[in-house]
PDB file of N, CA and C in Angstrom:
ATOM      1  N   UNK A   1     -46.205  31.882  31.500  1.00  0.00           N
ATOM      2  CA  UNK A   1     -45.038  32.471  32.420  1.00  0.00           C
ATOM      3  C   UNK A   1     -43.772  32.741  31.478  1.00  0.00           C
ATOM      4  N   UNK A   2     -43.070  33.872  31.793  1.00  0.00           N
ATOM      5  CA  UNK A   2     -41.885  34.105  30.941  1.00  0.00           C
ATOM      6  C   UNK A   2     -40.724  33.230  31.605  1.00  0.00           C
ATOM      7  N   UNK A   3     -39.925  33.136  30.727  1.00  0.00           N
ATOM      8  CA  UNK A   3     -38.584  32.459  31.213  1.00  0.00           C
ATOM      9  C   UNK A   3     -37.669  33.303  32.040  1.00  0.00           C
ATOM     10  N   UNK A   4     -37.070  32.812  32.888  1.00  0.00           N
ATOM     11  CA  UNK A   4     -36.103  33.819  33.808  1.00  0.00           C
ATOM     12  C   UNK A   4     -34.886  34.267  33.087  1.00  0.00           C
ATOM     13  N   UNK A   5     -34.458  35.339  33.292  1.00  0.00           N
ATOM     14  CA  UNK A   5     -33.164  35.675  32.754  1.00  0.00           C
ATOM     15  C   UNK A   5     -31.885  35.320  33.784  1.00  0.00           C
ATOM     16  N   UNK A   6     -30.901  34.806  33.014  1.00  0.00           N
ATOM     17  CA  UNK A   6     -29.808  34.193  33.759  1.00  0.00           C
ATOM     18  C   UNK A   6     -28.636  34.938  33.638  1.00  0.00           C
ATOM     19  N   UNK A   7     -27.799  34.909  34.840  1.00  0.00           N
ATOM     20  CA  UNK A   7     -26.571  35.548  34.768  1.00  0.00           C
ATOM     21  C   UNK A   7     -25.295  35.095  33.985  1.00  0.00           C
ATOM     22  N   UNK A   8     -24.356  35.621  33.712  1.00  0.00           N
ATOM     23  CA  UNK A   8     -23.192  34.933  33.116  1.00  0.00           C
ATOM     24  C   UNK A   8     -22.868  33.598  33.957  1.00  0.00           C
ATOM     25  N   UNK A   9     -22.732  33.731  35.188  1.00  0.00           N
ATOM     26  CA  UNK A   9     -22.365  32.605  36.139  1.00  0.00           C
ATOM     27  C   UNK A   9     -23.463  31.507  35.684  1.00  0.00           C
ATOM     28  N   UNK A  10     -24.488  31.762  35.667  1.00  0.00           N
ATOM     29  CA  UNK A  10     -25.620  30.619  35.486  1.00  0.00           C
ATOM     30  C   UNK A  10     -25.606  30.021  34.056  1.00  0.00           C
ATOM     31  N   UNK A  11     -25.284  30.938  32.999  1.00  0.00           N
ATOM     32  CA  UNK A  11     -25.206  30.260  31.607  1.00  0.00           C
ATOM     33  C   UNK A  11     -24.030  29.637  31.455  1.00  0.00           C
ATOM     34  N   UNK A  12     -22.901  30.083  32.144  1.00  0.00           N
ATOM     35  CA  UNK A  12     -21.599  29.193  31.977  1.00  0.00           C
ATOM     36  C   UNK A  12     -21.827  27.931  32.652  1.00  0.00           C
ATOM     37  N   UNK A  13     -22.454  27.849  33.812  1.00  0.00           N
ATOM     38  CA  UNK A  13     -22.770  26.589  34.316  1.00  0.00           C
ATOM     39  C   UNK A  13     -23.624  25.616  33.600  1.00  0.00           C
ATOM     40  N   UNK A  14     -24.637  26.270  32.783  1.00  0.00           N
ATOM     41  CA  UNK A  14     -25.618  25.756  32.062  1.00  0.00           C
ATOM     42  C   UNK A  14     -24.802  25.036  30.841  1.00  0.00           C
ATOM     43  N   UNK A  15     -23.814  25.529  30.234  1.00  0.00           N
ATOM     44  CA  UNK A  15     -23.150  25.260  29.170  1.00  0.00           C
ATOM     45  C   UNK A  15     -21.866  24.353  29.444  1.00  0.00           C
ATOM     46  N   UNK A  16     -21.309  24.489  30.974  1.00  0.00           N
ATOM     47  CA  UNK A  16     -20.280  23.685  31.102  1.00  0.00           C
ATOM     48  C   UNK A  16     -18.918  24.404  30.813  1.00  0.00           C
ATOM     49  N   UNK A  17     -18.981  25.718  30.513  1.00  0.00           N
ATOM     50  CA  UNK A  17     -17.896  26.231  30.322  1.00  0.00           C
ATOM     51  C   UNK A  17     -17.434  27.612  31.213  1.00  0.00           C
ATOM     52  N   UNK A  18     -16.268  28.171  31.112  1.00  0.00           N
ATOM     53  CA  UNK A  18     -16.097  29.322  32.152  1.00  0.00           C
ATOM     54  C   UNK A  18     -16.780  30.584  31.618  1.00  0.00           C
ATOM     55  N   UNK A  19     -16.752  31.477  32.603  1.00  0.00           N
ATOM     56  CA  UNK A  19     -17.164  32.760  32.236  1.00  0.00           C
ATOM     57  C   UNK A  19     -16.535  33.673  31.355  1.00  0.00           C
ATOM     58  N   UNK A  20     -15.399  33.264  31.372  1.00  0.00           N
ATOM     59  CA  UNK A  20     -14.630  34.057  30.221  1.00  0.00           C
ATOM     60  C   UNK A  20     -14.897  33.401  29.001  1.00  0.00           C
ATOM     61  N   UNK A  21     -15.161  32.181  28.831  1.00  0.00           N
ATOM     62  CA  UNK A  21     -15.478  31.706  27.610  1.00  0.00           C
ATOM     63  C   UNK A  21     -16.860  32.475  27.126  1.00  0.00           C
ATOM     64  N   UNK A  22     -17.737  32.694  27.989  1.00  0.00           N
ATOM     65  CA  UNK A  22     -19.068  33.293  27.637  1.00  0.00           C
ATOM     66  C   UNK A  22     -18.770  34.649  27.188  1.00  0.00           C
ATOM     67  N   UNK A  23     -17.935  35.520  27.896  1.00  0.00           N
ATOM     68  CA  UNK A  23     -17.645  36.885  27.346  1.00  0.00           C
ATOM     69  C   UNK A  23     -17.259  36.984  26.117  1.00  0.00           C
ATOM     70  N   UNK A  24     -16.092  35.833  25.792  1.00  0.00           N
ATOM     71  CA  UNK A  24     -15.433  35.700  24.549  1.00  0.00           C
ATOM     72  C   UNK A  24     -16.425  35.496  23.391  1.00  0.00           C
ATOM     73  N   UNK A  25     -17.368  34.483  23.644  1.00  0.00           N
ATOM     74  CA  UNK A  25     -18.405  34.124  22.642  1.00  0.00           C
ATOM     75  C   UNK A  25     -19.288  35.313  22.425  1.00  0.00           C
ATOM     76  N   UNK A  26     -19.552  36.186  23.245  1.00  0.00           N
ATOM     77  CA  UNK A  26     -20.466  37.335  23.023  1.00  0.00           C
ATOM     78  C   UNK A  26     -19.666  38.333  22.128  1.00  0.00           C
ATOM     79  N   UNK A  27     -18.507  38.449  22.576  1.00  0.00           N
ATOM     80  CA  UNK A  27     -17.655  39.378  21.616  1.00  0.00           C
ATOM     81  C   UNK A  27     -17.299  38.950  20.274  1.00  0.00           C
ATOM     82  N   UNK A  28     -16.783  37.646  20.398  1.00  0.00           N
ATOM     83  CA  UNK A  28     -16.138  37.189  19.060  1.00  0.00           C
ATOM     84  C   UNK A  28     -17.134  36.193  18.173  1.00  0.00           C
ATOM     85  N   UNK A  29     -18.243  35.838  18.702  1.00  0.00           N
ATOM     86  CA  UNK A  29     -19.158  34.990  17.982  1.00  0.00           C
ATOM     87  C   UNK A  29     -20.609  35.140  17.967  1.00  0.00           C
ATOM     88  N   UNK A  30     -20.998  36.276  18.601  1.00  0.00           N
ATOM     89  CA  UNK A  30     -22.502  36.669  18.546  1.00  0.00           C
ATOM     90  C   UNK A  30     -23.376  35.964  19.417  1.00  0.00           C
ATOM     91  N   UNK A  31     -22.902  35.384  20.440  1.00  0.00           N
ATOM     92  CA  UNK A  31     -23.739  34.834  21.392  1.00  0.00           C
ATOM     93  C   UNK A  31     -24.877  35.859  21.959  1.00  0.00           C
ATOM     94  N   UNK A  32     -26.044  35.275  21.771  1.00  0.00           N
ATOM     95  CA  UNK A  32     -27.163  36.054  22.041  1.00  0.00           C
ATOM     96  C   UNK A  32     -27.270  36.343  23.666  1.00  0.00           C
ATOM     97  N   UNK A  33     -27.144  37.831  23.967  1.00  0.00           N
ATOM     98  CA  UNK A  33     -26.862  38.185  25.271  1.00  0.00           C
ATOM     99  C   UNK A  33     -27.633  39.613  25.407  1.00  0.00           C
ATOM    100  N   UNK A  34     -27.991  40.030  26.549  1.00  0.00           N
ATOM    101  CA  UNK A  34     -28.519  41.350  26.650  1.00  0.00           C
ATOM    102  C   UNK A  34     -27.743  42.134  27.785  1.00  0.00           C
ATOM    103  N   UNK A  35     -27.388  43.346  27.440  1.00  0.00           N
ATOM    104  CA  UNK A  35     -26.856  44.100  28.498  1.00  0.00           C
ATOM    105  C   UNK A  35     -27.819  44.823  29.254  1.00  0.00           C
ATOM    106  N   UNK A  36     -27.912  44.667  30.664  1.00  0.00           N
ATOM    107  CA  UNK A  36     -28.618  45.325  31.458  1.00  0.00           C
ATOM    108  C   UNK A  36     -27.824  46.088  32.527  1.00  0.00           C
ATOM    109  N   UNK A  37     -27.472  47.552  32.323  1.00  0.00           N
ATOM    110  CA  UNK A  37     -26.567  48.207  33.119  1.00  0.00           C
ATOM    111  C   UNK A  37     -25.297  47.620  32.818  1.00  0.00           C
ATOM    112  N   UNK A  38     -24.516  47.138  33.772  1.00  0.00           N
ATOM    113  CA  UNK A  38     -23.184  46.613  33.550  1.00  0.00           C
ATOM    114  C   UNK A  38     -23.206  44.946  33.357  1.00  0.00           C
ATOM    115  N   UNK A  39     -24.363  44.518  33.700  1.00  0.00           N
ATOM    116  CA  UNK A  39     -24.491  42.953  33.707  1.00  0.00           C
ATOM    117  C   UNK A  39     -24.963  42.480  32.233  1.00  0.00           C
ATOM    118  N   UNK A  40     -24.549  41.274  31.847  1.00  0.00           N
ATOM    119  CA  UNK A  40     -25.100  40.532  30.797  1.00  0.00           C
ATOM    120  C   UNK A  40     -26.095  39.504  31.394  1.00  0.00           C
ATOM    121  N   UNK A  41     -27.252  39.512  30.688  1.00  0.00           N
ATOM    122  CA  UNK A  41     -28.238  38.676  31.042  1.00  0.00           C
ATOM    123  C   UNK A  41     -28.641  37.708  29.810  1.00  0.00           C
ATOM    124  N   UNK A  42     -29.197  36.489  30.149  1.00  0.00           N
ATOM    125  CA  UNK A  42     -29.280  35.481  28.886  1.00  0.00           C
ATOM    126  C   UNK A  42     -30.611  34.912  29.235  1.00  0.00           C
ATOM    127  N   UNK A  43     -31.088  34.507  27.963  1.00  0.00           N
ATOM    128  CA  UNK A  43     -32.385  33.351  28.012  1.00  0.00           C
ATOM    129  C   UNK A  43     -31.614  31.961  27.719  1.00  0.00           C
ATOM    130  N   UNK A  44     -31.902  31.073  28.517  1.00  0.00           N
ATOM    131  CA  UNK A  44     -31.455  29.790  28.118  1.00  0.00           C
ATOM    132  C   UNK A  44     -31.841  29.090  26.807  1.00  0.00           C
ATOM    133  N   UNK A  45     -33.131  29.461  26.605  1.00  0.00           N
ATOM    134  CA  UNK A  45     -33.898  29.044  25.247  1.00  0.00           C
ATOM    135  C   UNK A  45     -32.972  29.777  23.982  1.00  0.00           C
ATOM    136  N   UNK A  46     -32.697  30.890  24.086  1.00  0.00           N
ATOM    137  CA  UNK A  46     -31.734  31.390  23.058  1.00  0.00           C
ATOM    138  C   UNK A  46     -30.612  31.037  22.766  1.00  0.00           C
ATOM    139  N   UNK A  47     -30.038  30.825  24.107  1.00  0.00           N
ATOM    140  CA  UNK A  47     -28.487  30.400  24.182  1.00  0.00           C
ATOM    141  C   UNK A  47     -28.437  28.933  23.558  1.00  0.00           C
ATOM    142  N   UNK A  48     -29.398  28.032  23.881  1.00  0.00           N
ATOM    143  CA  UNK A  48     -29.399  26.688  23.530  1.00  0.00           C
ATOM    144  C   UNK A  48     -29.587  26.843  21.939  1.00  0.00           C
ATOM    145  N   UNK A  49     -30.562  27.416  21.421  1.00  0.00           N
ATOM    146  CA  UNK A  49     -30.829  27.536  19.993  1.00  0.00           C
ATOM    147  C   UNK A  49     -29.606  27.908  19.332  1.00  0.00           C
ATOM    148  N   UNK A  50     -28.836  28.871  20.001  1.00  0.00           N
ATOM    149  CA  UNK A  50     -27.650  29.406  19.230  1.00  0.00           C
ATOM    150  C   UNK A  50     -26.445  28.289  19.193  1.00  0.00           C
ATOM    151  N   UNK A  51     -26.399  27.500  20.296  1.00  0.00           N
ATOM    152  CA  UNK A  51     -25.584  26.459  20.363  1.00  0.00           C
ATOM    153  C   UNK A  51     -25.962  25.182  19.192  1.00  0.00           C
ATOM    154  N   UNK A  52     -27.033  25.068  19.346  1.00  0.00           N
ATOM    155  CA  UNK A  52     -27.666  24.065  18.217  1.00  0.00           C
ATOM    156  C   UNK A  52     -27.400  24.197  16.971  1.00  0.00           C
ATOM    157  N   UNK A  53     -27.418  25.837  16.555  1.00  0.00           N
ATOM    158  CA  UNK A  53     -27.185  26.087  15.424  1.00  0.00           C
ATOM    159  C   UNK A  53     -25.688  26.291  14.777  1.00  0.00           C
ATOM    160  N   UNK A  54     -24.964  25.584  15.543  1.00  0.00           N
ATOM    161  CA  UNK A  54     -23.562  25.376  15.408  1.00  0.00           C
ATOM    162  C   UNK A  54     -22.683  26.809  15.345  1.00  0.00           C
ATOM    163  N   UNK A  55     -23.372  27.711  16.090  1.00  0.00           N
ATOM    164  CA  UNK A  55     -22.799  29.084  16.062  1.00  0.00           C
ATOM    165  C   UNK A  55     -21.372  28.979  16.927  1.00  0.00           C
ATOM    166  N   UNK A  56     -21.325  28.018  17.747  1.00  0.00           N
ATOM    167  CA  UNK A  56     -20.073  27.975  18.840  1.00  0.00           C
ATOM    168  C   UNK A  56     -19.347  26.713  18.283  1.00  0.00           C
ATOM    169  N   UNK A  57     -19.543  26.096  17.202  1.00  0.00           N
ATOM    170  CA  UNK A  57     -19.078  24.782  16.800  1.00  0.00           C
ATOM    171  C   UNK A  57     -17.560  24.639  16.561  1.00  0.00           C
ATOM    172  N   UNK A  58     -16.995  26.114  16.357  1.00  0.00           N
ATOM    173  CA  UNK A  58     -15.589  26.099  15.939  1.00  0.00           C
ATOM    174  C   UNK A  58     -14.763  26.152  17.270  1.00  0.00           C
ATOM    175  N   UNK A  59     -15.035  26.017  18.280  1.00  0.00           N
ATOM    176  CA  UNK A  59     -14.473  25.948  19.613  1.00  0.00           C
ATOM    177  C   UNK A  59     -14.773  27.234  20.522  1.00  0.00           C
ATOM    178  N   UNK A  60     -14.123  27.129  21.832  1.00  0.00           N
ATOM    179  CA  UNK A  60     -14.240  28.107  22.680  1.00  0.00           C
ATOM    180  C   UNK A  60     -13.058  29.177  22.546  1.00  0.00           C
ATOM    181  N   UNK A  61     -13.117  29.978  23.480  1.00  0.00           N
ATOM    182  CA  UNK A  61     -12.199  31.153  23.616  1.00  0.00           C
ATOM    183  C   UNK A  61     -10.825  30.573  23.938  1.00  0.00           C
TER     184      UNK A  61
END
């Protein structure tokens, strides 16, 4: 079974940050995200791997 796609609100809650921080990380830090129409969608496993890889280590937006 495949992993569900999460919204920006869902991934923000998952990480405990604001939605604005999520959008800044996409633009500035290369956070893994997929644009579907006008919406950003996320896989929690990709985002967790990105966070653990210290890609977000130098702080939020």
